[in-house]
Amino acid sequence: MQYQQFQDFWHAASQRQVIFFYSGYFSQHVVSAIAETIKARLNAAGTAGPTSRRIFSAFVEMSQNIMHYSADALTPAEQPDRQIRGGAFCIAACGERFHLLCANPVANDRVDAIRGRIEPLCAMTVEEIRSAYKTALRQAAPEDSKGAGLGFLTMARDASAPLDFHFLPDSTDAARTVFCIAATI
């Protein structure tokens, strides 16, 4: 990237009130460092405690999704822990609200399963989401989940608007699709 392109990128991010952006590989160490930076940035901005906690919670869930499910992996798929996988994450301020976005490639055969887990959440009321969350806490994790199966529910519970998601063609690999999800807090 040339200096002028970098300056243009930096200027565009500033105009859009981007307070944090990372694109690259996520590991537990990277997530910890990002979390520390996000907390400091929100504290410096005077963000209220409940809002900071919801932002942090959504960030953790988005990061876990990248580390567990991204098709861009530096570690073998059969390695159960210490995953290192590629994706991107961004937080932008918009008045009193914050927009959190993340994106990562997924195998094409995972798209329907992901869509099937998110679409119902987008149609639920806040009370229905809370009820579904409590029910999920008492149940075993879904078979295809590498965590507790609460990630999307947690994001939906903490968001102030329905989750927004898209699947875009991966220009680098026809066997993959880029999964993008956004939460407004």
Protein backbone atom coordinates (compact mmCIF):
# COMPACT_ATOMS: atom_id res chain seq x y z
CA MET A 1 0.00 0.00 0.00
CA GLN A 2 1.39 3.37 -0.90
CA TYR A 3 1.46 6.27 1.54
CA GLN A 4 -1.32 8.17 -0.24
CA GLN A 5 -3.59 5.10 -0.20
CA PHE A 6 -2.90 4.66 3.49
CA GLN A 7 -3.67 8.32 4.17
CA ASP A 8 -6.93 7.99 2.19
CA PHE A 9 -7.85 4.89 4.21
CA TRP A 10 -7.04 6.64 7.49
CA HIS A 11 -9.05 9.73 6.48
CA ALA A 12 -12.06 7.61 5.42
CA ALA A 13 -11.96 5.70 8.72
CA SER A 14 -11.80 8.95 10.69
CA GLN A 15 -14.74 10.44 8.79
CA ARG A 16 -16.79 7.32 9.52
CA GLN A 17 -15.86 7.51 13.22
CA VAL A 18 -14.11 4.15 13.19
CA ILE A 19 -12.70 3.70 16.67
CA PHE A 20 -11.17 0.29 16.07
CA PHE A 21 -10.37 -1.81 12.98
CA TYR A 22 -8.39 -5.02 12.64
CA SER A 23 -7.99 -7.31 9.67
CA GLY A 24 -5.75 -10.33 9.95
CA TYR A 25 -5.39 -13.47 11.97
CA PHE A 26 -7.18 -13.96 15.28
CA SER A 27 -5.69 -16.01 18.08
CA GLN A 28 -6.42 -15.94 21.79
CA HIS A 29 -3.45 -13.60 22.31
CA VAL A 30 -4.60 -11.23 19.56
CA VAL A 31 -8.16 -11.21 20.94
CA SER A 32 -6.83 -10.41 24.43
CA ALA A 33 -4.78 -7.50 23.11
CA ILE A 34 -7.71 -6.18 21.06
CA ALA A 35 -10.02 -6.49 24.08
CA GLU A 36 -7.62 -4.45 26.21
CA THR A 37 -7.41 -1.77 23.51
CA ILE A 38 -11.20 -1.63 23.06
CA LYS A 39 -11.75 -1.28 26.81
CA ALA A 40 -9.22 1.55 27.01
CA ARG A 41 -10.70 3.31 23.99
CA LEU A 42 -14.26 3.09 25.36
CA ASN A 43 -13.12 4.26 28.82
CA ALA A 44 -11.28 7.22 27.28
CA ALA A 45 -14.44 8.15 25.36
CA GLY A 46 -16.51 8.00 28.56
CA THR A 47 -18.76 5.22 27.28
CA ALA A 48 -21.27 4.10 29.92
CA GLY A 49 -20.54 0.83 31.73
CA PRO A 50 -23.55 -1.15 30.43
CA THR A 51 -22.83 -0.08 26.84
CA SER A 52 -19.14 -0.97 27.20
CA ARG A 53 -20.07 -4.41 28.56
CA ARG A 54 -22.45 -5.08 25.64
CA ILE A 55 -19.83 -3.94 23.11
CA PHE A 56 -17.20 -6.10 24.76
CA SER A 57 -19.56 -9.11 24.88
CA ALA A 58 -20.41 -8.78 21.17
CA PHE A 59 -16.72 -8.38 20.31
CA VAL A 60 -15.87 -11.58 22.18
CA GLU A 61 -18.62 -13.52 20.37
CA MET A 62 -17.58 -12.17 16.96
CA SER A 63 -13.94 -13.02 17.66
CA GLN A 64 -14.86 -16.52 18.82
CA ASN A 65 -16.85 -17.07 15.62
CA ILE A 66 -13.84 -16.05 13.57
CA MET A 67 -11.47 -18.28 15.57
CA HIS A 68 -13.80 -21.29 15.45
CA TYR A 69 -15.35 -21.09 12.00
CA SER A 70 -13.26 -19.01 9.59
CA ALA A 71 -12.20 -21.00 6.53
CA ASP A 72 -8.93 -19.02 6.48
CA ALA A 73 -6.92 -21.03 8.99
CA LEU A 74 -3.25 -21.12 9.88
CA THR A 75 -3.83 -24.07 12.22
CA PRO A 76 -5.11 -27.51 11.19
CA ALA A 77 -8.90 -28.00 11.36
CA GLU A 78 -8.48 -30.98 13.68
CA GLN A 79 -6.57 -28.90 16.23
CA PRO A 80 -9.17 -28.37 18.98
CA ASP A 81 -7.63 -25.35 20.68
CA ARG A 82 -5.29 -22.43 20.03
CA GLN A 83 -6.91 -21.82 16.66
CA ILE A 84 -5.50 -19.07 14.45
CA ARG A 85 -7.94 -17.98 11.77
CA GLY A 86 -8.42 -14.96 9.53
CA GLY A 87 -11.10 -12.31 9.57
CA ALA A 88 -11.79 -8.64 10.17
CA PHE A 89 -13.47 -6.66 12.94
CA CYS A 90 -14.52 -3.02 13.19
CA ILE A 91 -16.23 -0.71 15.69
CA ALA A 92 -17.62 2.64 14.55
CA ALA A 93 -19.41 5.27 16.60
CA CYS A 94 -22.67 6.70 15.31
CA GLY A 95 -24.05 9.25 17.75
CA GLU A 96 -24.84 7.42 20.98
CA ARG A 97 -24.72 4.02 19.27
CA PHE A 98 -21.88 1.81 18.14
CA HIS A 99 -21.79 -0.43 15.07
CA LEU A 100 -19.76 -3.62 15.36
CA LEU A 101 -18.99 -5.52 12.19
CA CYS A 102 -17.00 -8.64 11.51
CA ALA A 103 -16.31 -10.69 8.41
CA ASN A 104 -14.59 -13.95 7.66
CA PRO A 105 -14.64 -16.56 4.94
CA VAL A 106 -16.68 -19.73 5.52
CA ALA A 107 -16.98 -22.89 3.46
CA ASN A 108 -19.90 -22.67 1.05
CA ASP A 109 -21.54 -25.73 2.63
CA ARG A 110 -21.83 -23.84 5.98
CA VAL A 111 -23.86 -20.91 4.60
CA ASP A 112 -27.31 -22.51 5.00
CA ALA A 113 -26.58 -23.60 8.58
CA ILE A 114 -25.39 -20.11 9.56
CA ARG A 115 -28.36 -18.47 7.85
CA GLY A 116 -30.69 -20.92 9.62
CA ARG A 117 -29.34 -19.88 13.01
CA ILE A 118 -29.43 -16.10 12.43
CA GLU A 119 -32.63 -15.50 10.44
CA PRO A 120 -34.98 -16.58 13.26
CA LEU A 121 -33.19 -14.22 15.66
CA CYS A 122 -33.79 -11.27 13.35
CA ALA A 123 -37.54 -11.85 13.56
CA MET A 124 -37.67 -12.23 17.37
CA THR A 125 -38.62 -9.60 19.90
CA VAL A 126 -36.24 -8.70 22.72
CA GLU A 127 -38.26 -10.84 25.13
CA GLU A 128 -38.22 -13.81 22.73
CA ILE A 129 -34.44 -13.49 22.39
CA ARG A 130 -33.99 -13.40 26.18
CA SER A 131 -36.24 -16.44 26.56
CA ALA A 132 -34.38 -18.34 23.82
CA TYR A 133 -31.08 -17.42 25.52
CA LYS A 134 -32.25 -18.79 28.88
CA THR A 135 -33.50 -21.96 27.20
CA ALA A 136 -30.20 -22.43 25.35
CA LEU A 137 -28.27 -22.11 28.62
CA ARG A 138 -30.10 -25.17 29.94
CA GLN A 139 -29.57 -27.25 26.79
CA ALA A 140 -26.53 -29.05 25.44
CA ALA A 141 -24.53 -27.23 22.79
CA PRO A 142 -25.53 -27.97 19.18
CA GLU A 143 -23.46 -30.73 17.53
CA ASP A 144 -21.94 -28.35 14.98
CA SER A 145 -20.94 -25.81 17.65
CA LYS A 146 -17.37 -25.48 18.90
CA GLY A 147 -18.57 -23.44 21.88
CA ALA A 148 -21.76 -23.33 23.91
CA GLY A 149 -23.91 -22.42 20.89
CA LEU A 150 -24.82 -19.05 22.41
CA GLY A 151 -22.83 -16.67 20.19
CA PHE A 152 -25.54 -15.33 17.90
CA LEU A 153 -28.07 -15.32 20.75
CA THR A 154 -25.65 -13.31 22.90
CA MET A 155 -25.08 -10.79 20.11
CA ALA A 156 -28.82 -10.49 19.46
CA ARG A 157 -29.51 -10.10 23.19
CA ASP A 158 -26.93 -7.32 23.56
CA ALA A 159 -27.86 -5.45 20.36
CA SER A 160 -30.26 -2.52 20.24
CA ALA A 161 -31.51 -3.52 16.77
CA PRO A 162 -31.82 -6.81 14.89
CA LEU A 163 -28.54 -8.33 13.73
CA ASP A 164 -27.69 -7.64 10.12
CA PHE A 165 -25.83 -10.23 8.07
CA HIS A 166 -24.76 -10.88 4.50
CA PHE A 167 -22.99 -13.56 2.51
CA LEU A 168 -20.72 -12.29 -0.25
CA PRO A 169 -18.77 -14.23 -2.88
CA ASP A 170 -15.13 -14.77 -1.88
CA SER A 171 -13.13 -13.36 -4.78
CA THR A 172 -10.08 -15.41 -3.79
CA ASP A 173 -11.71 -18.85 -3.50
CA ALA A 174 -14.89 -20.13 -5.21
CA ALA A 175 -15.34 -22.78 -2.48
CA ARG A 176 -15.80 -20.07 0.13
CA THR A 177 -18.22 -17.28 0.95
CA VAL A 178 -17.49 -14.23 3.08
CA PHE A 179 -19.84 -14.09 6.05
CA CYS A 180 -20.44 -10.58 7.39
CA ILE A 181 -22.43 -9.81 10.53
CA ALA A 182 -23.19 -6.48 12.18
CA ALA A 183 -24.61 -5.54 15.56
CA THR A 184 -25.75 -2.09 16.68
CA ILE A 185 -25.27 -1.39 20.37
